[in-house]
Amino acid sequence: MSDKKKKSSAKAQSDFIRFMILTGLGGLFILVLTLFIVASTMTKKNTKIKEEEAPAEDKTPVESKATGEMEEVIGVVLKDAGNDSITILNVENEKQIVLQIENGVEMKDIYGQSMSLREFKVGDMIETKYDKGSMVPKYLRITGEAWEQDRLKNIKINLEGKTIEIGNNIYTYTNNLISMYKGEPISLDQIDSIDELTLRGYKNYVWFIDVKASHGYINVTASQDEEGMVEVDNGMSVSIKEAKNIAVTEGAHKVVIKKEGYEPIVKNVQVDAMQTVNIDLGEMQKKVGKLKVVAKGVSDYKVFINNVEYPGNETILLEYGDYHLVVKKEGYKDWNKDFKMNEESIRIDVDLQKEEVPQLVKVSIDTNPTGAEVYIDDSFMGISPMETQLPYGEHKISLIKDGYSPLHIPISLGETQKQRSFLFTLQEAANE
């Protein structure tokens, strides 16, 4: 092969190799550029998704620069402190302030002892001095300028006038008043005067109420005409009629219900906050007493109580109440008495009186001729011959028969007489 051909072939190979290298570099550049564009797009999408999903409070706040202008305030903590911030309410102008806590911020309790940020709780009254630009405080302390009254009762809250009466002192509150029960918000209309409260305030304003012990209710189910008393813990007493939703502090209580003629109900009840415990008077049992009726000097008498017969001289069990008693015995007058069964045991002594039976004389009356009408004391008694009984004393016998003259005879019956017989002869009537 000639030198000319060799040179031409070497050049062609060199050009091919250069082309392949340039093509490879171009393809590699395009691949890298594509991967970069895809990665950038995915990163932006992920960032956007994270920003949309993340709560607003988790977004990194725009840092404010310190201005050196400081402000001192007294405030009340509105919510438990976070990791690096705390929200308070300025009690002078009622504006919320979010303070940013950095290392070196002095935090102390009312006694000057060091505290951590987490130890500041809702309702704490604090004093602070902070930079108005960076909102970073110089110190954060439980203030001694506020007041606190603990475990109070009989607090009167005027919802319309927005006042709170503690003894002889009247305080004011605003819509920013914080009221809590066991760490949860509670509305003021759910607070009763029997609740135990801790109050914190500044000057003449109350800013925080903590319900230490709330209340529930005891309700006695009874008709409107029920008579009796309901006692709660030996310190409260109301009539059964008024025992509707009695407010009591949450916890254990002893309830005693007394009603005349019934065994008392004694219950130990557990009352939870805002809950009602119902007690039904249908559980009450009537009291039962023992009655003994004794008739002096007689036996075999009968006892009737409200027209129900009972054996005499035996113990009778009766429910408490009002009754009518009758004691009966043949030959004696009935004995009556109204009485009230209101004791465990009652004895009634009865003195029965014999009936006054008039002394009678057996009287036989006959006529000659027989068949006359017989009248005694002007009352027709029969036709002769006849018998009857007449009491001692004076009487008049009249005899009447057709065709004979009427006969009227007075008689006298003495106490010593047991029997008398009379025979009367009638005279024929004279012809006209």
Protein backbone atom coordinates (compact mmCIF):
# COMPACT_ATOMS: atom_id res chain seq x y z
CA MET A 1 0.00 0.00 0.00
CA SER A 2 1.31 3.42 -0.91
CA ASP A 3 2.13 6.06 1.67
CA LYS A 4 -0.66 8.24 0.39
CA LYS A 5 -3.31 5.61 1.05
CA LYS A 6 -1.94 4.89 4.54
CA LYS A 7 -2.19 8.53 5.50
CA SER A 8 -5.78 8.78 4.21
CA SER A 9 -6.87 5.70 6.23
CA ALA A 10 -5.25 6.97 9.44
CA LYS A 11 -7.01 10.31 9.09
CA ALA A 12 -10.39 8.65 8.60
CA GLN A 13 -9.97 6.57 11.74
CA SER A 14 -8.92 9.63 13.70
CA ASP A 15 -12.00 11.58 12.54
CA PHE A 16 -14.32 8.66 13.47
CA ILE A 17 -12.82 8.40 16.94
CA ARG A 18 -13.17 12.18 17.49
CA PHE A 19 -16.82 12.00 16.35
CA MET A 20 -17.62 9.19 18.75
CA ILE A 21 -15.99 11.02 21.66
CA LEU A 22 -17.89 14.25 20.94
CA THR A 23 -21.15 12.33 20.53
CA GLY A 24 -20.60 10.55 23.87
CA LEU A 25 -19.77 13.77 25.67
CA GLY A 26 -22.86 15.44 24.21
CA GLY A 27 -25.10 12.56 25.27
CA LEU A 28 -23.59 12.55 28.75
CA PHE A 29 -24.19 16.30 29.07
CA ILE A 30 -27.81 15.95 28.00
CA LEU A 31 -28.32 13.08 30.50
CA VAL A 32 -26.81 15.06 33.38
CA LEU A 33 -28.88 18.12 32.46
CA THR A 34 -32.08 16.02 32.34
CA LEU A 35 -31.38 14.45 35.73
CA PHE A 36 -30.73 17.88 37.23
CA ILE A 37 -34.01 19.28 35.88
CA VAL A 38 -35.98 16.26 37.19
CA ALA A 39 -34.31 16.47 40.62
CA SER A 40 -35.02 20.20 40.87
CA THR A 41 -38.67 19.66 39.97
CA MET A 42 -39.12 16.89 42.56
CA THR A 43 -37.40 18.95 45.24
CA LYS A 44 -39.72 21.91 44.61
CA LYS A 45 -42.79 19.63 44.70
CA ASN A 46 -41.69 17.99 47.94
CA THR A 47 -40.93 21.36 49.47
CA LYS A 48 -44.34 22.68 48.44
CA ILE A 49 -46.10 19.58 49.85
CA LYS A 50 -44.23 19.86 53.14
CA GLU A 51 -45.09 23.53 53.38
CA GLU A 52 -48.76 22.78 52.71
CA GLU A 53 -48.85 19.88 55.20
CA ALA A 54 -46.90 21.56 57.98
CA PRO A 55 -49.01 23.53 60.56
CA ALA A 56 -48.65 27.26 60.42
CA GLU A 57 -47.15 27.32 63.92
CA ASP A 58 -44.33 25.00 62.80
CA LYS A 59 -43.17 27.40 60.08
CA THR A 60 -40.02 29.14 60.98
CA PRO A 61 -40.98 32.68 61.98
CA VAL A 62 -39.34 35.58 60.38
CA GLU A 63 -36.72 36.69 62.82
CA SER A 64 -37.09 40.20 64.10
CA LYS A 65 -34.10 42.18 64.95
CA ALA A 66 -33.55 43.54 68.42
CA THR A 67 -34.22 47.26 68.64
CA GLY A 68 -33.05 47.84 72.17
CA GLU A 69 -36.46 49.33 72.99
CA MET A 70 -37.63 47.48 76.09
CA GLU A 71 -41.13 47.21 77.61
CA GLU A 72 -42.15 46.04 81.06
CA VAL A 73 -45.56 44.40 81.47
CA ILE A 74 -47.56 42.31 83.89
CA GLY A 75 -49.53 39.60 82.19
CA VAL A 76 -51.33 36.31 82.58
CA VAL A 77 -50.16 33.16 80.78
CA LEU A 78 -52.76 32.24 78.13
CA LYS A 79 -51.49 28.76 77.31
CA ASP A 80 -48.80 26.39 78.49
CA ALA A 81 -45.36 27.35 77.27
CA GLY A 82 -43.86 25.70 74.19
CA ASN A 83 -40.24 24.75 73.62
CA ASP A 84 -39.03 28.26 72.98
CA SER A 85 -41.99 30.63 73.34
CA ILE A 86 -44.74 31.63 75.73
CA THR A 87 -48.00 33.53 75.10
CA ILE A 88 -49.23 36.04 77.67
CA LEU A 89 -51.94 38.69 77.89
CA ASN A 90 -50.92 42.19 78.89
CA VAL A 91 -53.43 42.96 81.67
CA GLU A 92 -53.11 46.70 81.09
CA ASN A 93 -54.24 46.77 77.45
CA GLU A 94 -55.43 43.15 76.98
CA LYS A 95 -53.10 42.55 74.03
CA GLN A 96 -51.58 39.12 73.41
CA ILE A 97 -47.80 38.91 73.40
CA VAL A 98 -45.74 35.96 72.14
CA LEU A 99 -42.31 36.05 73.78
CA GLN A 100 -39.37 34.20 72.23
CA ILE A 101 -37.22 32.49 74.86
CA GLU A 102 -33.49 32.23 74.27
CA ASN A 103 -30.65 30.97 76.38
CA GLY A 104 -29.80 33.33 79.19
CA VAL A 105 -33.38 34.50 79.85
CA GLU A 106 -33.87 34.71 83.61
CA MET A 107 -36.91 32.67 84.76
CA LYS A 108 -37.90 32.60 88.44
CA ASP A 109 -40.85 31.92 90.71
CA ILE A 110 -42.30 34.35 93.23
CA TYR A 111 -39.69 33.28 95.79
CA GLY A 112 -36.76 33.88 93.44
CA GLN A 113 -36.14 30.21 92.71
CA SER A 114 -35.15 29.27 89.16
CA MET A 115 -37.82 27.83 86.88
CA SER A 116 -37.84 26.16 83.49
CA LEU A 117 -40.04 27.44 80.69
CA ARG A 118 -42.22 24.33 80.91
CA GLU A 119 -43.08 25.13 84.51
CA PHE A 120 -45.05 28.23 83.56
CA LYS A 121 -48.73 27.25 83.34
CA VAL A 122 -52.00 28.79 82.14
CA GLY A 123 -53.22 31.36 84.62
CA ASP A 124 -49.81 32.24 86.07
CA MET A 125 -49.47 35.96 86.69
CA ILE A 126 -46.03 37.05 85.51
CA GLU A 127 -43.91 40.14 85.08
CA THR A 128 -41.48 40.50 82.19
CA LYS A 129 -39.26 42.97 80.39
CA TYR A 130 -38.75 42.27 76.69
CA ASP A 131 -37.25 43.77 73.54
CA LYS A 132 -40.11 45.11 71.40
CA GLY A 133 -38.25 44.22 68.20
CA SER A 134 -37.04 40.66 68.83
CA MET A 135 -39.73 39.88 71.45
CA VAL A 136 -37.03 38.26 73.54
CA PRO A 137 -37.50 38.92 77.28
CA LYS A 138 -34.74 39.83 79.65
CA TYR A 139 -36.53 38.00 82.44
CA LEU A 140 -39.74 36.08 83.12
CA ARG A 141 -40.94 35.92 86.73
CA ILE A 142 -44.03 34.95 88.72
CA THR A 143 -45.05 38.40 89.92
CA GLY A 144 -45.57 39.37 93.51
CA GLU A 145 -47.71 42.34 92.48
CA ALA A 146 -50.70 40.14 91.62
CA TRP A 147 -52.97 38.59 94.24
CA GLU A 148 -54.25 35.06 94.72
CA GLN A 149 -57.05 33.74 96.93
CA ASP A 150 -57.19 29.97 97.34
CA ARG A 151 -60.00 27.47 98.05
CA LEU A 152 -62.79 30.02 98.25
CA LYS A 153 -66.51 29.25 98.47
CA ASN A 154 -69.68 31.32 98.22
CA ILE A 155 -68.31 33.34 95.33
CA LYS A 156 -71.00 35.32 93.52
CA ILE A 157 -70.46 35.78 89.78
CA ASN A 158 -72.61 38.39 88.03
CA LEU A 159 -72.63 37.38 84.38
CA GLU A 160 -74.45 40.49 83.22
CA GLY A 161 -72.45 43.00 85.21
CA LYS A 162 -69.19 41.06 84.78
CA THR A 163 -68.37 41.30 88.45
CA ILE A 164 -67.21 38.77 91.04
CA GLU A 165 -68.10 39.23 94.68
CA ILE A 166 -65.71 37.80 97.29
CA GLY A 167 -67.01 38.56 100.74
CA ASN A 168 -67.36 42.33 100.94
CA ASN A 169 -65.10 42.95 97.93
CA ILE A 170 -66.34 43.27 94.36
CA TYR A 171 -63.95 42.68 91.44
CA THR A 172 -64.35 43.12 87.70
CA TYR A 173 -63.53 40.73 84.87
CA THR A 174 -63.40 40.97 81.08
CA ASN A 175 -64.00 38.62 78.18
CA ASN A 176 -60.36 37.54 78.49
CA LEU A 177 -60.94 35.98 81.91
CA ILE A 178 -59.55 32.41 81.96
CA SER A 179 -61.63 29.81 83.80
CA MET A 180 -60.41 26.20 84.09
CA TYR A 181 -61.47 22.92 85.68
CA LYS A 182 -58.94 20.08 85.81
CA GLY A 183 -56.92 21.70 83.04
CA GLU A 184 -59.88 22.19 80.71
CA PRO A 185 -61.81 25.40 79.98
CA ILE A 186 -65.14 25.83 81.78
CA SER A 187 -67.77 28.51 81.19
CA LEU A 188 -68.70 30.82 84.04
CA ASP A 189 -72.35 29.75 83.98
CA GLN A 190 -71.21 26.26 84.97
CA ILE A 191 -69.71 27.54 88.23
CA ASP A 192 -71.88 27.39 91.36
CA SER A 193 -71.45 29.28 94.61
CA ILE A 194 -70.67 26.00 96.42
CA ASP A 195 -67.66 25.29 94.19
CA GLU A 196 -64.15 25.67 95.60
CA LEU A 197 -62.26 28.24 93.55
CA THR A 198 -58.78 29.68 93.34
CA LEU A 199 -58.73 33.21 91.91
CA ARG A 200 -55.82 35.27 90.65
CA GLY A 201 -55.96 38.90 89.70
CA TYR A 202 -54.23 42.21 89.43
CA LYS A 203 -55.50 45.33 91.14
CA ASN A 204 -59.33 45.24 90.92
CA TYR A 205 -59.52 42.71 88.08
CA VAL A 206 -59.82 38.91 88.17
CA TRP A 207 -57.88 37.26 85.35
CA PHE A 208 -57.92 33.59 86.26
CA ILE A 209 -60.35 31.18 87.97
CA ASP A 210 -59.33 27.61 88.75
CA VAL A 211 -62.20 25.37 89.89
CA LYS A 212 -60.62 23.09 92.48
CA ALA A 213 -63.87 21.25 93.30
CA SER A 214 -66.94 21.48 91.10
CA HIS A 215 -70.47 20.38 91.91
CA GLY A 216 -73.20 17.96 91.00
CA TYR A 217 -76.81 17.52 92.03
CA ILE A 218 -78.98 15.36 94.29
CA ASN A 219 -82.58 15.06 93.16
CA VAL A 220 -85.36 13.47 95.25
CA THR A 221 -88.21 12.09 93.18
CA ALA A 222 -91.46 12.74 95.06
CA SER A 223 -94.99 14.00 94.50
CA GLN A 224 -95.77 17.64 95.27
CA ASP A 225 -97.77 16.79 98.39
CA GLU A 226 -95.03 14.74 100.05
CA GLU A 227 -94.17 15.88 103.57
CA GLY A 228 -90.78 15.33 105.13
CA MET A 229 -87.18 16.52 105.23
CA VAL A 230 -83.98 15.79 103.32
CA GLU A 231 -80.67 16.15 105.17
CA VAL A 232 -77.31 16.25 103.36
CA ASP A 233 -74.10 15.70 105.34
CA ASN A 234 -75.82 16.80 108.56
CA GLY A 235 -75.36 20.38 107.47
CA MET A 236 -78.07 21.03 104.90
CA SER A 237 -81.76 20.46 105.46
CA VAL A 238 -84.58 21.09 102.98
CA SER A 239 -88.17 19.89 102.69
CA ILE A 240 -88.90 16.99 100.35
CA LYS A 241 -90.91 19.37 98.17
CA GLU A 242 -87.82 21.57 97.68
CA ALA A 243 -85.38 18.70 97.16
CA LYS A 244 -85.11 19.21 93.42
CA ASN A 245 -81.55 19.29 92.04
CA ILE A 246 -79.81 20.18 95.30
CA ALA A 247 -76.34 21.47 94.37
CA VAL A 248 -73.52 19.76 96.29
CA THR A 249 -69.76 19.65 95.84
CA GLU A 250 -68.47 16.70 93.86
CA GLY A 251 -67.53 13.71 95.97
CA ALA A 252 -69.13 11.49 98.61
CA HIS A 253 -72.22 12.65 100.52
CA LYS A 254 -74.54 11.19 103.15
CA VAL A 255 -78.24 11.72 102.45
CA VAL A 256 -80.96 11.08 105.06
CA ILE A 257 -84.64 11.36 104.09
CA LYS A 258 -87.23 11.46 106.86
CA LYS A 259 -90.98 11.18 106.40
CA GLU A 260 -93.60 10.77 109.09
CA GLY A 261 -94.75 7.18 109.37
CA TYR A 262 -91.90 5.78 107.27
CA GLU A 263 -88.53 4.26 107.96
CA PRO A 264 -85.86 6.86 107.04
CA ILE A 265 -83.74 6.37 103.93
CA VAL A 266 -80.00 6.64 104.58
CA LYS A 267 -77.77 6.67 101.50
CA ASN A 268 -74.08 7.30 100.83
CA VAL A 269 -73.87 8.65 97.28
CA GLN A 270 -71.00 9.62 94.99
CA VAL A 271 -71.74 12.80 93.06
CA ASP A 272 -69.60 13.53 90.00
CA ALA A 273 -69.10 17.00 88.53
CA MET A 274 -72.14 18.21 86.58
CA GLN A 275 -73.93 14.89 87.19
CA THR A 276 -77.26 14.25 88.98
CA VAL A 277 -77.93 11.47 91.49
CA ASN A 278 -81.64 10.57 91.73
CA ILE A 279 -83.24 9.12 94.88
CA ASP A 280 -86.75 7.69 94.58
CA LEU A 281 -89.07 7.90 97.58
CA GLY A 282 -90.69 4.69 96.35
CA GLU A 283 -87.91 2.95 98.27
CA MET A 284 -89.31 4.16 101.61
CA GLN A 285 -90.93 1.53 103.82
CA LYS A 286 -93.78 2.35 106.19
CA LYS A 287 -93.02 2.01 109.89
CA VAL A 288 -94.83 -0.74 111.79
CA GLY A 289 -95.84 -0.48 115.46
CA LYS A 290 -97.29 -2.92 117.96
CA LEU A 291 -100.77 -2.27 119.37
CA LYS A 292 -102.35 -4.04 122.33
CA VAL A 293 -105.98 -3.40 123.33
CA VAL A 294 -106.84 -4.52 126.89
CA ALA A 295 -110.43 -4.51 128.18
CA LYS A 296 -110.42 -4.46 131.97
CA GLY A 297 -112.21 -7.26 133.79
CA VAL A 298 -113.75 -8.95 130.74
CA SER A 299 -112.76 -11.53 128.17
CA ASP A 300 -114.00 -12.71 124.79
CA TYR A 301 -114.29 -9.15 123.53
CA LYS A 302 -113.78 -8.23 119.90
CA VAL A 303 -111.52 -5.51 118.50
CA PHE A 304 -112.33 -3.70 115.23
CA ILE A 305 -109.79 -1.33 113.63
CA ASN A 306 -111.08 0.56 110.61
CA ASN A 307 -113.88 -2.07 110.46
CA VAL A 308 -111.39 -4.96 110.33
CA GLU A 309 -111.77 -7.49 113.16
CA TYR A 310 -108.77 -8.51 115.25
CA PRO A 311 -108.53 -10.90 118.22
CA GLY A 312 -108.87 -9.20 121.60
CA ASN A 313 -106.01 -8.98 124.09
CA GLU A 314 -103.39 -9.91 121.46
CA THR A 315 -100.60 -7.84 119.89
CA ILE A 316 -101.65 -6.27 116.58
CA LEU A 317 -99.09 -5.03 114.02
CA LEU A 318 -100.09 -1.77 112.35
CA GLU A 319 -98.37 0.56 109.91
CA TYR A 320 -97.95 4.09 111.20
CA GLY A 321 -101.04 6.19 110.53
CA ASP A 322 -104.50 7.23 111.78
CA TYR A 323 -107.08 4.63 112.84
CA HIS A 324 -110.56 4.21 114.40
CA LEU A 325 -110.91 1.58 117.16
CA VAL A 326 -114.14 -0.14 118.30
CA VAL A 327 -114.30 -2.72 121.12
CA LYS A 328 -117.45 -4.86 121.35
CA LYS A 329 -118.87 -7.39 123.83
CA GLU A 330 -122.38 -8.70 124.19
CA GLY A 331 -124.19 -7.04 127.07
CA TYR A 332 -121.82 -4.08 127.03
CA LYS A 333 -121.87 -0.74 125.28
CA ASP A 334 -119.56 -0.37 122.24
CA TRP A 335 -116.31 1.48 123.07
CA ASN A 336 -114.94 3.86 120.35
CA LYS A 337 -111.68 5.77 120.00
CA ASP A 338 -109.65 7.48 117.22
CA PHE A 339 -105.91 7.01 117.66
CA LYS A 340 -102.60 7.57 115.83
CA MET A 341 -100.08 4.78 115.45
CA ASN A 342 -96.82 6.71 115.71
CA GLU A 343 -94.72 4.73 118.18
CA GLU A 344 -93.03 1.37 118.22
CA SER A 345 -95.46 0.09 120.86
CA ILE A 346 -98.84 1.38 122.07
CA ARG A 347 -101.22 -0.02 124.71
CA ILE A 348 -104.85 1.09 124.89
CA ASP A 349 -106.82 0.25 128.05
CA VAL A 350 -110.58 -0.09 127.62
CA ASP A 351 -113.24 0.14 130.37
CA LEU A 352 -116.41 -1.46 128.95
CA GLN A 353 -119.73 -0.34 130.46
CA LYS A 354 -122.68 -2.70 130.81
CA GLU A 355 -125.82 -1.87 128.88
CA GLU A 356 -128.74 -0.62 131.01
CA VAL A 357 -131.37 -3.34 130.35
CA PRO A 358 -134.83 -2.29 131.67
CA GLN A 359 -136.46 -4.64 134.25
CA LEU A 360 -139.54 -6.24 132.65
CA VAL A 361 -142.66 -7.97 133.99
CA LYS A 362 -144.33 -10.77 132.08
CA VAL A 363 -147.97 -9.73 131.63
CA SER A 364 -150.83 -12.10 130.53
CA ILE A 365 -154.12 -10.50 129.41
CA ASP A 366 -157.33 -12.42 128.79
CA THR A 367 -160.96 -11.35 128.36
CA ASN A 368 -164.36 -12.85 128.78
CA PRO A 369 -165.41 -13.25 126.05
CA THR A 370 -162.07 -13.58 124.23
CA GLY A 371 -161.17 -11.88 120.99
CA ALA A 372 -160.89 -8.32 122.23
CA GLU A 373 -158.33 -5.90 120.82
CA VAL A 374 -155.69 -5.15 123.45
CA TYR A 375 -154.05 -1.69 123.60
CA ILE A 376 -151.32 -0.87 126.14
CA ASP A 377 -150.46 2.77 126.56
CA ASP A 378 -152.52 3.42 123.42
CA SER A 379 -150.39 1.00 121.33
CA PHE A 380 -152.08 -2.03 119.79
CA MET A 381 -150.53 -5.18 121.28
CA GLY A 382 -152.71 -8.00 119.94
CA ILE A 383 -155.96 -9.98 120.44
CA SER A 384 -156.89 -11.53 123.77
CA PRO A 385 -155.69 -13.83 125.14
CA MET A 386 -152.12 -12.59 124.69
CA GLU A 387 -148.81 -12.14 126.55
CA THR A 388 -146.23 -9.39 126.55
CA GLN A 389 -143.49 -7.86 128.71
CA LEU A 390 -143.82 -4.47 130.26
CA PRO A 391 -141.30 -2.38 132.23
CA TYR A 392 -141.90 -1.40 135.83
CA GLY A 393 -144.23 1.52 136.33
CA GLU A 394 -147.70 2.79 135.44
CA HIS A 395 -149.49 1.60 132.32
CA LYS A 396 -153.00 1.77 130.78
CA ILE A 397 -154.78 -1.21 129.25
CA SER A 398 -157.66 -0.64 126.79
CA LEU A 399 -159.93 -3.45 125.54
CA ILE A 400 -162.24 -3.08 122.56
CA LYS A 401 -164.64 -5.63 121.07
CA ASP A 402 -167.63 -5.16 118.83
CA GLY A 403 -170.94 -5.39 120.73
CA TYR A 404 -169.24 -4.70 124.03
CA SER A 405 -168.50 -1.54 125.92
CA PRO A 406 -164.82 -0.41 125.73
CA LEU A 407 -162.86 -1.00 128.88
CA HIS A 408 -159.98 1.18 130.11
CA ILE A 409 -158.05 -0.03 133.16
CA PRO A 410 -154.91 1.52 134.75
CA ILE A 411 -152.34 -0.92 136.19
CA SER A 412 -149.16 -0.56 138.22
CA LEU A 413 -146.21 -2.96 137.94
CA GLY A 414 -143.84 -3.07 140.88
CA GLU A 415 -140.12 -3.94 140.84
CA THR A 416 -140.72 -7.03 142.93
CA GLN A 417 -143.15 -8.46 140.44
CA LYS A 418 -141.97 -10.90 137.80
CA GLN A 419 -145.31 -11.91 136.32
CA ARG A 420 -148.90 -10.60 136.32
CA SER A 421 -152.07 -12.11 134.88
CA PHE A 422 -155.25 -10.20 134.14
CA LEU A 423 -158.77 -11.46 133.24
CA PHE A 424 -161.29 -8.84 132.26
CA THR A 425 -165.05 -9.36 131.77
CA LEU A 426 -166.59 -7.29 129.04
CA GLN A 427 -170.10 -5.88 129.33
CA GLU A 428 -172.47 -6.03 126.41
CA ALA A 429 -173.28 -2.67 125.02
CA ALA A 430 -176.81 -1.35 125.81
CA ASN A 431 -179.29 -1.28 122.90
CA GLU A 432 -180.15 2.12 121.60
